[in-house]
């Protein structure tokens, strides 16, 4: 499977995806990082954490997790496959700072398209996205709310936007793709992050109409 894109005005605007069957077993490769059922349980566990109410003003932490995204036809929206990838991202952030607080990567791409398993070499990185003027961010919002019995309480929530780009290689054909992760912090002190995920610019090179990938992800310290 190949991803083909070009960058214009800082955006990924064209891509191609061709299919390669990596095994005939019908089992998605997971390289020891969890099959889809494991992903479901981990995602649910993170989503069930309370949204962060004590978001710190300084964050230095490494988060690991996964993303799972459906491959859909842009014409009609039919789901024709699924993609998974591993995530390892580090935050080095202080409230009010200028510049990108994130570093890290997405790799171990695997999944199914039209019933055929695939696995791809290569990785997407925050640094490569930043080189294309695609900035990643952390935001903190502090609100003081009155309590029913008098007094008040300060609640500080957090949000993240993470862009990754880079080359993914299949059978000697390196091409460039872009992934976006958005969402909110969960757990005490911003322990975890979850939200929507998308990967832009899929097209099944001559085999079917254009595809887009969209789904979710989780990250946890």
Protein backbone atom coordinates (compact mmCIF):
# COMPACT_ATOMS: atom_id res chain seq x y z
CA UNK A 1 0.00 0.00 0.00
CA UNK A 2 1.42 3.37 -1.00
CA UNK A 3 0.59 6.85 0.25
CA UNK A 4 1.22 9.63 -2.32
CA UNK A 5 0.84 13.31 -1.52
CA UNK A 6 2.08 16.74 -2.43
CA UNK A 7 2.24 19.80 -0.16
CA UNK A 8 0.85 23.12 -1.42
CA UNK A 9 0.52 26.26 0.76
CA UNK A 10 1.36 24.20 3.82
CA UNK A 11 -1.42 21.66 3.25
CA UNK A 12 -1.43 18.07 2.05
CA UNK A 13 -3.53 18.23 -1.11
CA UNK A 14 -3.04 15.02 -3.07
CA UNK A 15 -2.20 11.42 -2.28
CA UNK A 16 -2.33 7.90 -3.58
CA UNK A 17 -2.84 4.63 -1.77
CA UNK A 18 -2.23 1.27 -3.44
CA UNK A 19 -3.03 -2.07 -1.84
CA UNK A 20 -0.51 -4.73 -0.86
CA UNK A 21 -1.52 -7.94 0.91
CA UNK A 22 1.03 -8.59 3.64
CA UNK A 23 -0.40 -11.93 4.76
CA UNK A 24 -3.27 -14.26 3.97
CA UNK A 25 -4.17 -14.99 7.57
CA UNK A 26 -6.83 -12.29 7.91
CA UNK A 27 -5.20 -11.12 11.17
CA UNK A 28 -4.05 -7.52 11.52
CA UNK A 29 -0.37 -7.14 12.40
CA UNK A 30 0.09 -5.53 15.83
CA UNK A 31 3.82 -5.94 16.55
CA UNK A 32 3.07 -6.68 20.19
CA UNK A 33 1.15 -3.44 20.74
CA UNK A 34 -2.37 -4.75 20.96
CA UNK A 35 -5.03 -6.11 18.63
CA UNK A 36 -8.23 -4.11 17.98
CA UNK A 37 -9.95 -5.62 21.04
CA UNK A 38 -7.09 -4.38 23.23
CA UNK A 39 -7.39 -0.96 21.62
CA UNK A 40 -11.11 -0.82 22.50
CA UNK A 41 -10.48 -1.61 26.16
CA UNK A 42 -7.62 0.87 26.50
CA UNK A 43 -9.55 3.64 24.73
CA UNK A 44 -12.58 3.06 26.94
CA UNK A 45 -10.44 3.09 30.08
CA UNK A 46 -8.91 6.45 29.15
CA UNK A 47 -12.26 7.92 28.11
CA UNK A 48 -13.70 6.90 31.48
CA UNK A 49 -11.13 8.96 33.36
CA UNK A 50 -12.53 12.28 34.56
CA UNK A 51 -11.57 15.24 32.35
CA UNK A 52 -8.54 16.97 33.82
CA UNK A 53 -9.58 19.65 36.32
CA UNK A 54 -6.10 20.47 37.63
CA UNK A 55 -4.18 21.03 34.40
CA UNK A 56 -0.68 22.12 35.42
CA UNK A 57 0.99 25.25 34.08
CA UNK A 58 4.11 23.25 33.21
CA UNK A 59 4.08 19.80 31.62
CA UNK A 60 7.08 17.57 30.94
CA UNK A 61 5.88 14.09 30.10
CA UNK A 62 6.03 11.32 27.52
CA UNK A 63 2.75 9.79 26.34
CA UNK A 64 2.32 6.48 24.54
CA UNK A 65 -0.75 4.99 22.89
CA UNK A 66 -2.39 4.13 19.60
CA UNK A 67 -4.74 5.44 16.94
CA UNK A 68 -7.36 3.51 14.99
CA UNK A 69 -8.98 5.06 11.94
CA UNK A 70 -11.54 3.85 9.42
CA UNK A 71 -10.67 4.12 5.74
CA UNK A 72 -13.67 5.61 3.93
CA UNK A 73 -14.48 6.36 0.34
CA UNK A 74 -14.89 10.09 -0.11
CA UNK A 75 -17.68 9.36 -2.61
CA UNK A 76 -20.49 7.81 -0.59
CA UNK A 77 -18.60 7.38 2.67
CA UNK A 78 -18.40 3.58 2.62
CA UNK A 79 -15.93 2.07 5.08
CA UNK A 80 -13.49 -0.09 3.10
CA UNK A 81 -10.79 -0.76 5.70
CA UNK A 82 -9.08 0.25 8.88
CA UNK A 83 -5.66 1.61 9.84
CA UNK A 84 -3.85 1.46 13.18
CA UNK A 85 -0.58 3.08 14.30
CA UNK A 86 1.45 3.38 17.49
CA UNK A 87 2.05 6.80 19.07
CA UNK A 88 4.90 8.08 21.22
CA UNK A 89 4.76 11.81 21.98
CA UNK A 90 6.58 14.04 24.46
CA UNK A 91 5.31 17.35 25.85
CA UNK A 92 7.74 20.03 27.01
CA UNK A 93 5.41 22.92 27.75
CA UNK A 94 4.97 25.96 29.97
CA UNK A 95 1.84 28.07 29.77
CA UNK A 96 2.38 31.13 27.59
CA UNK A 97 5.43 29.80 25.79
CA UNK A 98 5.99 30.44 22.10
CA UNK A 99 6.76 27.57 19.79
CA UNK A 100 5.86 23.93 19.47
CA UNK A 101 5.64 22.02 22.78
CA UNK A 102 5.41 18.55 21.20
CA UNK A 103 7.90 16.06 19.79
CA UNK A 104 7.54 12.42 18.85
CA UNK A 105 6.21 10.06 16.24
CA UNK A 106 3.58 7.72 14.84
CA UNK A 107 4.79 4.40 13.40
CA UNK A 108 3.98 0.69 13.02
CA UNK A 109 1.21 1.34 10.48
CA UNK A 110 -0.96 -1.71 9.90
CA UNK A 111 -4.53 -2.65 9.10
CA UNK A 112 -6.81 -3.95 6.39
CA UNK A 113 -8.08 -2.59 3.08
CA UNK A 114 -10.63 -4.48 1.01
CA UNK A 115 -10.07 -7.57 3.14
CA UNK A 116 -6.29 -7.63 2.66
CA UNK A 117 -3.90 -7.05 5.56
CA UNK A 118 -1.15 -4.47 5.22
CA UNK A 119 1.86 -3.30 7.23
CA UNK A 120 4.01 -0.28 6.32
CA UNK A 121 7.52 0.83 7.23
CA UNK A 122 8.30 4.45 8.08
CA UNK A 123 7.10 7.04 10.55
CA UNK A 124 5.40 10.41 10.88
CA UNK A 125 6.94 13.00 13.22
CA UNK A 126 5.93 16.27 14.83
CA UNK A 127 9.21 17.80 13.62
CA UNK A 128 8.39 17.01 9.99
CA UNK A 129 4.95 18.59 10.34
CA UNK A 130 6.47 21.68 11.94
CA UNK A 131 8.86 21.97 8.98
CA UNK A 132 5.72 22.30 6.86
CA UNK A 133 4.40 25.11 9.11
CA UNK A 134 1.88 22.79 10.80
CA UNK A 135 2.05 23.76 14.46
CA UNK A 136 1.17 21.54 17.42
CA UNK A 137 -0.17 23.10 20.61
CA UNK A 138 -1.22 22.68 24.22
CA UNK A 139 -3.87 24.94 25.73
CA UNK A 140 -4.96 25.52 29.31
CA UNK A 141 -8.22 27.11 30.41
CA UNK A 142 -8.83 28.15 34.01
CA UNK A 143 -12.33 28.82 35.32
CA UNK A 144 -13.50 29.75 38.82
CA UNK A 145 -16.91 28.36 39.69
CA UNK A 146 -19.02 29.15 42.79
CA UNK A 147 -19.78 26.33 45.24
CA UNK A 148 -23.35 25.69 46.47
CA UNK A 149 -22.37 26.16 50.12
CA UNK A 150 -20.25 29.24 49.59
CA UNK A 151 -16.79 29.91 48.33
CA UNK A 152 -15.50 28.90 44.94
CA UNK A 153 -13.36 26.36 43.15
CA UNK A 154 -10.87 26.84 40.33
CA UNK A 155 -10.99 24.27 37.54
CA UNK A 156 -8.16 24.12 34.98
CA UNK A 157 -8.74 22.03 31.85
CA UNK A 158 -6.36 21.24 29.01
CA UNK A 159 -6.51 20.61 25.26
CA UNK A 160 -4.02 19.45 22.65
CA UNK A 161 -3.53 19.62 18.90
CA UNK A 162 -0.77 17.43 17.46
CA UNK A 163 0.26 17.34 13.79
CA UNK A 164 2.59 14.70 12.38
CA UNK A 165 3.98 14.26 8.88
CA UNK A 166 6.58 12.10 7.18
CA UNK A 167 7.37 9.35 4.75
CA UNK A 168 5.84 5.88 4.87
CA UNK A 169 7.55 3.28 2.69
CA UNK A 170 5.97 0.25 1.07
CA UNK A 171 8.07 -1.90 -1.24
CA UNK A 172 10.51 0.89 -1.96
CA UNK A 173 7.94 3.60 -2.65
CA UNK A 174 8.32 6.33 0.03
CA UNK A 175 5.53 8.89 0.09
CA UNK A 176 4.41 11.62 2.51
CA UNK A 177 1.24 11.75 4.63
CA UNK A 178 -0.18 13.97 7.37
CA UNK A 179 -1.90 12.95 10.62
CA UNK A 180 -3.82 15.22 12.98
CA UNK A 181 -4.70 14.43 16.60
CA UNK A 182 -6.99 16.69 18.62
CA UNK A 183 -8.64 16.36 21.98
CA UNK A 184 -8.61 17.00 25.70
CA UNK A 185 -6.57 15.96 28.72
CA UNK A 186 -8.01 13.38 31.09
CA UNK A 187 -7.04 12.24 34.56
CA UNK A 188 -5.20 14.01 37.38
CA UNK A 189 -2.53 16.42 36.20
CA UNK A 190 -3.15 15.72 32.51
CA UNK A 191 -2.29 12.02 32.77
CA UNK A 192 -3.95 11.07 29.47
CA UNK A 193 -5.26 12.55 26.21
CA UNK A 194 -7.96 11.33 23.83
CA UNK A 195 -10.04 12.70 20.99
CA UNK A 196 -10.55 12.59 17.20
CA UNK A 197 -7.81 11.57 14.77
CA UNK A 198 -7.52 11.88 11.00
CA UNK A 199 -4.98 11.09 8.30
CA UNK A 200 -5.26 13.06 5.08
CA UNK A 201 -4.76 12.28 1.46
CA UNK A 202 -5.58 8.64 0.85
CA UNK A 203 -6.29 7.42 -2.65
CA UNK A 204 -6.28 3.81 -3.82
CA UNK A 205 -4.00 4.24 -6.83
CA UNK A 206 -6.26 3.25 -9.67
CA UNK A 207 -8.05 0.56 -7.67
CA UNK A 208 -10.89 2.63 -6.21
CA UNK A 209 -11.95 6.20 -5.51
CA UNK A 210 -10.22 8.54 -3.04
CA UNK A 211 -10.11 7.53 0.61
CA UNK A 212 -9.89 9.43 3.87
CA UNK A 213 -8.98 8.06 7.30
CA UNK A 214 -10.73 9.19 10.48
CA UNK A 215 -11.17 7.76 13.94
CA UNK A 216 -9.79 8.28 17.44
CA UNK A 217 -6.72 7.77 19.60
CA UNK A 218 -5.54 7.58 23.18
CA UNK A 219 -2.31 8.65 24.89
CA UNK A 220 -1.24 8.07 28.49
CA UNK A 221 1.83 8.76 30.60
